[in-house]
Amino acid sequence: MDTYQMPDVCLPFVTATHPQAHRVQKLTEQWCQEFGLLRSPDVVTKFSALGYGRIMATLCPYVPLHTMSLITDWNSFFFIADDQQNNAITTNRVGRYEDLVDAVRHVIADDTHPTPADDHPIVAALRDLLCRTLPGRPPYWLARFRANLDLWLTGHLAENSYRLSGTVPRVSEYISVRRNASTVLPTLDLVEMAERAVISDELYRTPQYRTLVLGTADIMCWINDIHSLHMEQDDPINFVTVLAHHEHLETQRAMDAVAARIAARVQDHLTAARELPLVMDGLEPSAQKAIMWCVRDQQSWAAGMETWDRTDTIRFADSEVPTRGTTASYVEDLLAD
C-alpha cells in the first residue's frame, strides 16, 4: 500500500464528557467480566486502554450514571461482538460466527424463548441488556430498536460476503452496508430513550431526521476508516479502499477524498439540525427540547469519536496491527464456546 499522511478532520461540533466517565469505564469492565466477555488477564488489562467507557461518555454527557452505564454496556457488547466477526474471518471460522449470529437474531426478535446458544457469553450478555432496556418502552420504539439491531447483523453478514469473495463493494453499496453494520443506529435509539425524547415514526422518517441519523453513522464510520486503514489493508470494507479501487486513486488521494466526503456530510448534518425545529412545529416545546438534546448528543459523540480514534484508544495503535491469520491482542476469542 502507498504511504500516506493522515488528513486533518475538523468537526465543528461541541463535545462534552460525562463527569463520571472513569466510573463508567470501570463499571462496563466489571459487567463484561461478569458475563464472560472478558476472561484472560491480558485482555482485561487492555480493556481499560481500549476505553469504550471514555468514548461513550461523550454520547450522553448529562444523563444519570445508571443510564450511561447501560448505554456503555451495550457498546462494549457491540465492540466485542464486532471483534468476533473479525476473529471469524481471520481464523477461518465464519460458519461458527454465523451460527452465533443466528442465535443472537432469534433473541433480538423474541427474548422470551431459549436458544441452544443461551450459555454463550454473547447471548447471555444480550439477554441481560434486553432485560435492562426493553421494559416500559413504547411499541413503536421497540419495533425500531429490534429492527436496527437486526440490521446491524444483516450488515455483518453482508460485509463477510465481500470479505470472503475478495470483492470490493461499489460506493453506494459500501455506504449502506457500512452504516448498517456500525451499530450507530441502535445506539441512537438508546440516546432517544436516555433523553426521554419521543421521536415518532413519522418524524424519524422525515428527510431531516434521516439525514441526522444516517449522517452521524456515515461521519463516524468514515472517520474510523481513516484511522483504521493501516489495520485493514486487505479488507474491502474501508471507504479509502473502496474509493481507491473504483476511482483509480492512490492511497493519499483516496484518503483525502474520504476526508472531503466527511466534510460534506458534516454540512448535511448541520443543515438538517437547523431545519429540524421547523419540521417539529406543532410539538410541545418540552418535546422539541428533548429531541434537540438527541441531536446535540449525536454531534458530541461524533467529535468525541474522532478524538478517541486518534489519541485515546489502543484499538488502532500500530502495536495492535495483527499479523496475517491472527487478531489484535485485545480480542477475547469467544468462538470456541
Protein backbone atom coordinates (compact mmCIF):
# COMPACT_ATOMS: atom_id res chain seq x y z
CA MET A 1 0.00 0.00 0.00
CA ASP A 2 1.15 3.54 -0.74
CA THR A 3 2.42 5.68 2.09
CA TYR A 4 0.08 8.45 3.20
CA GLN A 5 -0.42 11.22 5.72
CA MET A 6 -3.49 11.44 7.89
CA PRO A 7 -5.75 14.29 6.74
CA ASP A 8 -7.00 16.86 9.21
CA VAL A 9 -10.60 16.06 10.10
CA CYS A 10 -12.10 19.02 11.91
CA LEU A 11 -15.64 18.56 13.19
CA PRO A 12 -17.41 21.82 14.14
CA PHE A 13 -19.32 20.07 16.90
CA VAL A 14 -19.27 20.72 20.63
CA THR A 15 -18.08 17.74 22.65
CA ALA A 16 -18.94 17.18 26.30
CA THR A 17 -17.99 14.28 28.58
CA HIS A 18 -19.98 12.66 31.35
CA PRO A 19 -18.49 13.69 34.71
CA GLN A 20 -18.28 10.04 35.80
CA ALA A 21 -16.57 8.76 32.64
CA HIS A 22 -13.90 6.83 34.53
CA ARG A 23 -16.54 5.22 36.74
CA VAL A 24 -18.48 4.21 33.63
CA GLN A 25 -15.33 2.60 32.23
CA LYS A 26 -14.84 0.55 35.40
CA LEU A 27 -18.48 -0.50 35.56
CA THR A 28 -18.56 -1.73 31.98
CA GLU A 29 -15.36 -3.70 32.55
CA GLN A 30 -16.97 -5.40 35.54
CA TRP A 31 -20.10 -6.16 33.52
CA CYS A 32 -18.08 -7.67 30.67
CA GLN A 33 -16.19 -9.89 33.11
CA GLU A 34 -19.41 -10.95 34.81
CA PHE A 35 -20.82 -12.29 31.55
CA GLY A 36 -17.58 -13.87 30.33
CA LEU A 37 -16.93 -11.37 27.54
CA LEU A 38 -13.52 -10.68 29.12
CA ARG A 39 -11.57 -13.59 30.53
CA SER A 40 -7.83 -13.57 30.05
CA PRO A 41 -5.85 -11.22 32.33
CA ASP A 42 -4.07 -9.68 29.33
CA VAL A 43 -7.35 -8.79 27.61
CA VAL A 44 -8.81 -7.42 30.84
CA THR A 45 -5.74 -5.21 31.26
CA LYS A 46 -6.08 -3.91 27.71
CA PHE A 47 -9.78 -3.22 28.09
CA SER A 48 -9.07 -0.06 30.05
CA ALA A 49 -6.68 1.12 27.35
CA LEU A 50 -9.38 0.50 24.72
CA GLY A 51 -11.56 2.98 26.62
CA TYR A 52 -15.07 2.16 25.49
CA GLY A 53 -16.42 3.88 28.58
CA ARG A 54 -14.48 7.02 27.76
CA ILE A 55 -15.82 7.31 24.23
CA MET A 56 -19.39 6.53 25.26
CA ALA A 57 -19.19 9.20 27.97
CA THR A 58 -19.22 11.76 25.15
CA LEU A 59 -22.54 10.45 23.84
CA CYS A 60 -24.90 11.27 26.71
CA PRO A 61 -22.89 13.57 28.97
CA TYR A 62 -25.82 14.72 31.09
CA VAL A 63 -27.84 11.57 31.84
CA PRO A 64 -27.84 9.66 35.17
CA LEU A 65 -24.99 7.24 35.81
CA HIS A 66 -27.15 4.10 35.56
CA THR A 67 -28.43 5.17 32.14
CA MET A 68 -24.93 6.00 30.92
CA SER A 69 -23.73 2.62 32.18
CA LEU A 70 -26.48 0.78 30.29
CA ILE A 71 -25.61 2.51 27.02
CA THR A 72 -21.92 1.83 27.60
CA ASP A 73 -22.56 -1.85 28.29
CA TRP A 74 -24.45 -2.04 25.01
CA ASN A 75 -21.49 -0.57 23.16
CA SER A 76 -18.93 -2.74 24.90
CA PHE A 77 -21.11 -5.63 23.76
CA PHE A 78 -21.17 -4.24 20.20
CA PHE A 79 -17.39 -3.80 20.07
CA ILE A 80 -16.74 -7.28 21.42
CA ALA A 81 -19.25 -8.84 19.00
CA ASP A 82 -17.64 -6.94 16.13
CA ASP A 83 -14.27 -8.33 17.19
CA GLN A 84 -15.69 -11.85 16.93
CA GLN A 85 -16.73 -11.06 13.37
CA ASN A 86 -13.14 -10.12 12.50
CA ASN A 87 -11.85 -13.07 14.50
CA ALA A 88 -14.02 -15.43 12.44
CA ILE A 89 -12.69 -14.08 9.15
CA THR A 90 -9.02 -14.19 10.09
CA THR A 91 -9.20 -17.67 11.68
CA ASN A 92 -11.48 -19.30 9.09
CA ARG A 93 -14.42 -19.83 11.46
CA VAL A 94 -17.07 -17.85 9.62
CA GLY A 95 -19.58 -20.68 9.93
CA ARG A 96 -19.23 -20.66 13.70
CA TYR A 97 -19.77 -16.92 13.78
CA GLU A 98 -22.82 -17.11 11.53
CA ASP A 99 -24.34 -19.76 13.82
CA LEU A 100 -23.84 -17.30 16.69
CA VAL A 101 -25.41 -14.51 14.66
CA ASP A 102 -28.44 -16.72 14.03
CA ALA A 103 -28.90 -17.25 17.77
CA VAL A 104 -28.47 -13.55 18.50
CA ARG A 105 -31.05 -12.62 15.85
CA HIS A 106 -33.55 -15.02 17.39
CA VAL A 107 -33.08 -13.41 20.80
CA ILE A 108 -33.41 -9.91 19.34
CA ALA A 109 -36.69 -10.87 17.66
CA ASP A 110 -38.05 -12.67 20.74
CA ASP A 111 -36.16 -12.63 24.02
CA THR A 112 -38.75 -14.76 25.83
CA HIS A 113 -37.76 -18.15 24.41
CA PRO A 114 -34.49 -20.06 24.91
CA THR A 115 -32.00 -20.92 22.17
CA PRO A 116 -29.39 -23.69 22.03
CA ALA A 117 -26.72 -20.98 22.42
CA ASP A 118 -28.04 -19.44 25.64
CA ASP A 119 -24.88 -20.38 27.54
CA HIS A 120 -22.67 -18.45 25.12
CA PRO A 121 -21.34 -15.19 26.65
CA ILE A 122 -22.59 -13.10 23.72
CA VAL A 123 -26.14 -14.46 24.02
CA ALA A 124 -26.19 -14.27 27.81
CA ALA A 125 -24.94 -10.68 27.76
CA LEU A 126 -27.52 -9.75 25.14
CA ARG A 127 -30.35 -11.18 27.24
CA ASP A 128 -29.18 -9.09 30.20
CA LEU A 129 -29.07 -5.94 28.07
CA LEU A 130 -32.54 -6.53 26.67
CA CYS A 131 -33.91 -7.20 30.14
CA ARG A 132 -32.50 -3.87 31.33
CA THR A 133 -33.65 -1.95 28.24
CA LEU A 134 -36.99 -3.11 26.89
CA PRO A 135 -39.46 -2.97 29.81
CA GLY A 136 -41.67 0.10 29.68
CA ARG A 137 -40.65 1.17 26.20
CA PRO A 138 -43.44 2.07 23.72
CA PRO A 139 -44.23 -0.37 20.91
CA TYR A 140 -43.03 1.92 18.11
CA TRP A 141 -39.64 2.28 19.82
CA LEU A 142 -39.33 -1.45 20.49
CA ALA A 143 -40.04 -2.25 16.85
CA ARG A 144 -37.48 0.28 15.63
CA PHE A 145 -34.83 -0.82 18.10
CA ARG A 146 -35.25 -4.50 17.28
CA ALA A 147 -35.15 -3.69 13.55
CA ASN A 148 -31.96 -1.64 13.91
CA LEU A 149 -30.30 -4.39 15.97
CA ASP A 150 -31.18 -6.91 13.27
CA LEU A 151 -29.90 -4.51 10.62
CA TRP A 152 -26.55 -4.47 12.41
CA LEU A 153 -26.21 -8.22 11.99
CA THR A 154 -27.52 -8.13 8.44
CA GLY A 155 -24.71 -5.66 7.79
CA HIS A 156 -22.19 -8.06 9.31
CA LEU A 157 -23.28 -10.88 7.03
CA ALA A 158 -23.07 -8.59 4.00
CA GLU A 159 -19.59 -7.42 5.00
CA ASN A 160 -18.48 -11.03 5.38
CA SER A 161 -19.72 -11.90 1.90
CA TYR A 162 -17.48 -9.21 0.42
CA ARG A 163 -14.53 -10.29 2.54
CA LEU A 164 -14.87 -13.97 1.70
CA SER A 165 -15.22 -13.30 -2.02
CA GLY A 166 -12.48 -10.66 -2.09
CA THR A 167 -14.91 -8.28 -3.77
CA VAL A 168 -14.74 -4.52 -3.23
CA PRO A 169 -18.32 -3.18 -2.96
CA ARG A 170 -19.47 -0.33 -5.15
CA VAL A 171 -19.50 3.04 -3.42
CA SER A 172 -23.26 3.09 -2.83
CA GLU A 173 -23.21 -0.49 -1.59
CA TYR A 174 -20.33 0.25 0.76
CA ILE A 175 -22.08 3.27 2.29
CA SER A 176 -25.24 1.28 3.00
CA VAL A 177 -23.55 -1.87 4.32
CA ARG A 178 -21.03 0.03 6.43
CA ARG A 179 -23.63 2.18 8.20
CA ASN A 180 -25.92 -0.81 8.78
CA ALA A 181 -23.12 -2.81 10.39
CA SER A 182 -21.85 0.05 12.52
CA THR A 183 -24.33 -0.14 15.47
CA VAL A 184 -24.78 3.64 15.32
CA LEU A 185 -28.48 3.26 14.51
CA PRO A 186 -29.47 1.18 17.59
CA THR A 187 -27.19 3.31 19.74
CA LEU A 188 -29.08 6.43 18.69
CA ASP A 189 -32.29 4.65 19.64
CA LEU A 190 -30.76 4.30 23.11
CA VAL A 191 -30.00 8.03 23.12
CA GLU A 192 -33.68 8.69 22.45
CA MET A 193 -34.50 6.53 25.47
CA ALA A 194 -31.86 8.20 27.64
CA GLU A 195 -33.02 11.72 26.82
CA ARG A 196 -36.69 10.76 27.28
CA ALA A 197 -37.38 12.03 23.78
CA VAL A 198 -40.42 10.97 21.78
CA ILE A 199 -39.42 10.55 18.16
CA SER A 200 -42.43 9.23 16.30
CA ASP A 201 -42.06 7.06 13.24
CA GLU A 202 -43.39 9.99 11.23
CA LEU A 203 -40.62 12.30 12.47
CA TYR A 204 -37.99 9.56 12.23
CA ARG A 205 -38.78 9.15 8.52
CA THR A 206 -38.51 12.84 7.61
CA PRO A 207 -35.57 13.77 5.36
CA GLN A 208 -34.14 15.95 8.12
CA TYR A 209 -34.14 13.33 10.85
CA ARG A 210 -32.96 10.60 8.49
CA THR A 211 -30.07 12.85 7.49
CA LEU A 212 -29.18 13.36 11.15
CA VAL A 213 -29.23 9.64 11.98
CA LEU A 214 -27.60 8.35 8.80
CA GLY A 215 -25.22 11.30 8.70
CA THR A 216 -24.00 10.52 12.20
CA ALA A 217 -23.35 6.94 11.13
CA ASP A 218 -21.55 7.98 7.94
CA ILE A 219 -19.37 10.58 9.67
CA MET A 220 -18.30 8.18 12.37
CA CYS A 221 -17.75 5.22 10.03
CA TRP A 222 -15.72 7.18 7.54
CA ILE A 223 -13.56 8.76 10.22
CA ASN A 224 -12.98 5.31 11.64
CA ASP A 225 -11.95 4.04 8.20
CA ILE A 226 -9.26 6.71 8.00
CA HIS A 227 -7.85 5.83 11.40
CA SER A 228 -8.06 2.06 10.92
CA LEU A 229 -6.77 1.78 7.35
CA HIS A 230 -3.33 0.57 8.44
CA MET A 231 -5.03 -2.35 10.20
CA GLU A 232 -7.28 -3.22 7.25
CA GLN A 233 -5.01 -3.30 4.23
CA ASP A 234 -6.59 -6.48 2.88
CA ASP A 235 -10.12 -5.54 3.92
CA PRO A 236 -12.56 -4.36 1.22
CA ILE A 237 -14.84 -2.78 3.87
CA ASN A 238 -12.99 0.52 4.18
CA PHE A 239 -14.00 3.69 2.36
CA VAL A 240 -10.42 4.54 1.44
CA THR A 241 -10.01 1.14 -0.20
CA VAL A 242 -13.38 1.44 -1.96
CA LEU A 243 -12.60 4.84 -3.47
CA ALA A 244 -9.04 3.84 -4.37
CA HIS A 245 -10.36 0.79 -6.22
CA HIS A 246 -13.33 2.26 -8.07
CA GLU A 247 -11.96 5.74 -8.75
CA HIS A 248 -8.42 4.53 -9.50
CA LEU A 249 -6.79 6.70 -6.84
CA GLU A 250 -3.54 6.30 -4.99
CA THR A 251 -3.95 5.91 -1.25
CA GLN A 252 -3.29 9.54 -0.34
CA ARG A 253 -5.78 10.87 -2.85
CA ALA A 254 -8.37 8.30 -1.73
CA MET A 255 -7.76 9.28 1.90
CA ASP A 256 -8.23 12.96 1.03
CA ALA A 257 -11.39 12.12 -0.92
CA VAL A 258 -12.85 10.39 2.15
CA ALA A 259 -11.98 13.44 4.26
CA ALA A 260 -13.79 15.66 1.74
CA ARG A 261 -16.86 13.42 1.90
CA ILE A 262 -16.80 13.61 5.69
CA ALA A 263 -16.74 17.40 5.49
CA ALA A 264 -19.71 17.38 3.13
CA ARG A 265 -21.62 15.00 5.40
CA VAL A 266 -20.93 17.28 8.36
CA GLN A 267 -22.54 20.15 6.45
CA ASP A 268 -25.54 17.92 5.71
CA HIS A 269 -25.85 17.23 9.43
CA LEU A 270 -25.61 20.90 10.39
CA THR A 271 -28.22 21.86 7.79
CA ALA A 272 -30.63 19.16 8.95
CA ALA A 273 -30.15 20.25 12.57
CA ARG A 274 -31.05 23.83 11.65
CA GLU A 275 -34.13 22.71 9.73
CA LEU A 276 -35.41 20.24 12.31
CA PRO A 277 -37.23 22.79 14.54
CA LEU A 278 -39.40 23.76 11.58
CA VAL A 279 -40.20 20.11 10.95
CA MET A 280 -41.20 19.74 14.61
CA ASP A 281 -43.50 22.77 14.54
CA GLY A 282 -46.61 21.85 16.49
CA LEU A 283 -44.88 19.68 19.07
CA GLU A 284 -44.78 20.86 22.66
CA PRO A 285 -41.65 22.91 23.46
CA SER A 286 -40.52 20.33 26.01
CA ALA A 287 -40.82 17.57 23.40
CA GLN A 288 -38.81 19.59 20.89
CA LYS A 289 -36.16 20.30 23.50
CA ALA A 290 -35.65 16.60 24.25
CA ILE A 291 -35.31 15.81 20.56
CA MET A 292 -32.74 18.56 20.08
CA TRP A 293 -30.82 17.09 23.01
CA CYS A 294 -30.57 13.93 20.91
CA VAL A 295 -29.09 15.97 18.06
CA ARG A 296 -26.64 17.58 20.48
CA ASP A 297 -25.60 14.13 21.66
CA GLN A 298 -25.08 12.90 18.09
CA GLN A 299 -22.67 15.74 17.44
CA SER A 300 -20.84 15.36 20.75
CA TRP A 301 -20.34 11.64 20.11
CA ALA A 302 -19.09 12.13 16.54
CA ALA A 303 -16.49 14.66 17.65
CA GLY A 304 -15.59 12.56 20.67
CA MET A 305 -15.12 9.51 18.46
CA GLU A 306 -12.68 11.35 16.20
CA THR A 307 -10.53 12.25 19.21
CA TRP A 308 -10.84 8.75 20.64
CA ASP A 309 -9.83 7.13 17.34
CA ARG A 310 -6.82 9.43 17.07
CA THR A 311 -5.44 9.64 20.59
CA ASP A 312 -7.49 7.91 23.29
CA THR A 313 -7.56 4.20 22.49
CA ILE A 314 -5.16 1.40 21.65
CA ARG A 315 -7.71 -0.05 19.21
CA PHE A 316 -5.84 1.41 16.23
CA ALA A 317 -2.34 1.53 17.68
CA ASP A 318 0.48 0.35 15.41
CA SER A 319 1.41 -2.19 18.07
CA GLU A 320 -2.02 -3.80 17.68
CA VAL A 321 -1.81 -4.42 13.92
CA PRO A 322 -2.28 -8.20 13.69
CA THR A 323 -0.15 -10.46 11.58
CA ARG A 324 -1.89 -12.39 8.83
CA GLY A 325 -4.21 -15.03 10.21
CA THR A 326 -4.35 -13.54 13.71
CA THR A 327 -6.41 -10.95 15.55
CA ALA A 328 -5.41 -7.97 17.68
CA SER A 329 -4.15 -8.85 21.16
CA TYR A 330 -7.13 -7.15 22.83
CA VAL A 331 -9.61 -9.61 21.28
CA GLU A 332 -11.00 -12.32 23.54
CA ASP A 333 -11.66 -15.43 21.44
CA LEU A 334 -15.28 -16.34 22.12
CA LEU A 335 -15.84 -18.51 19.05
CA ALA A 336 -14.70 -21.70 20.76
CA ASP A 337 -17.59 -21.57 23.26
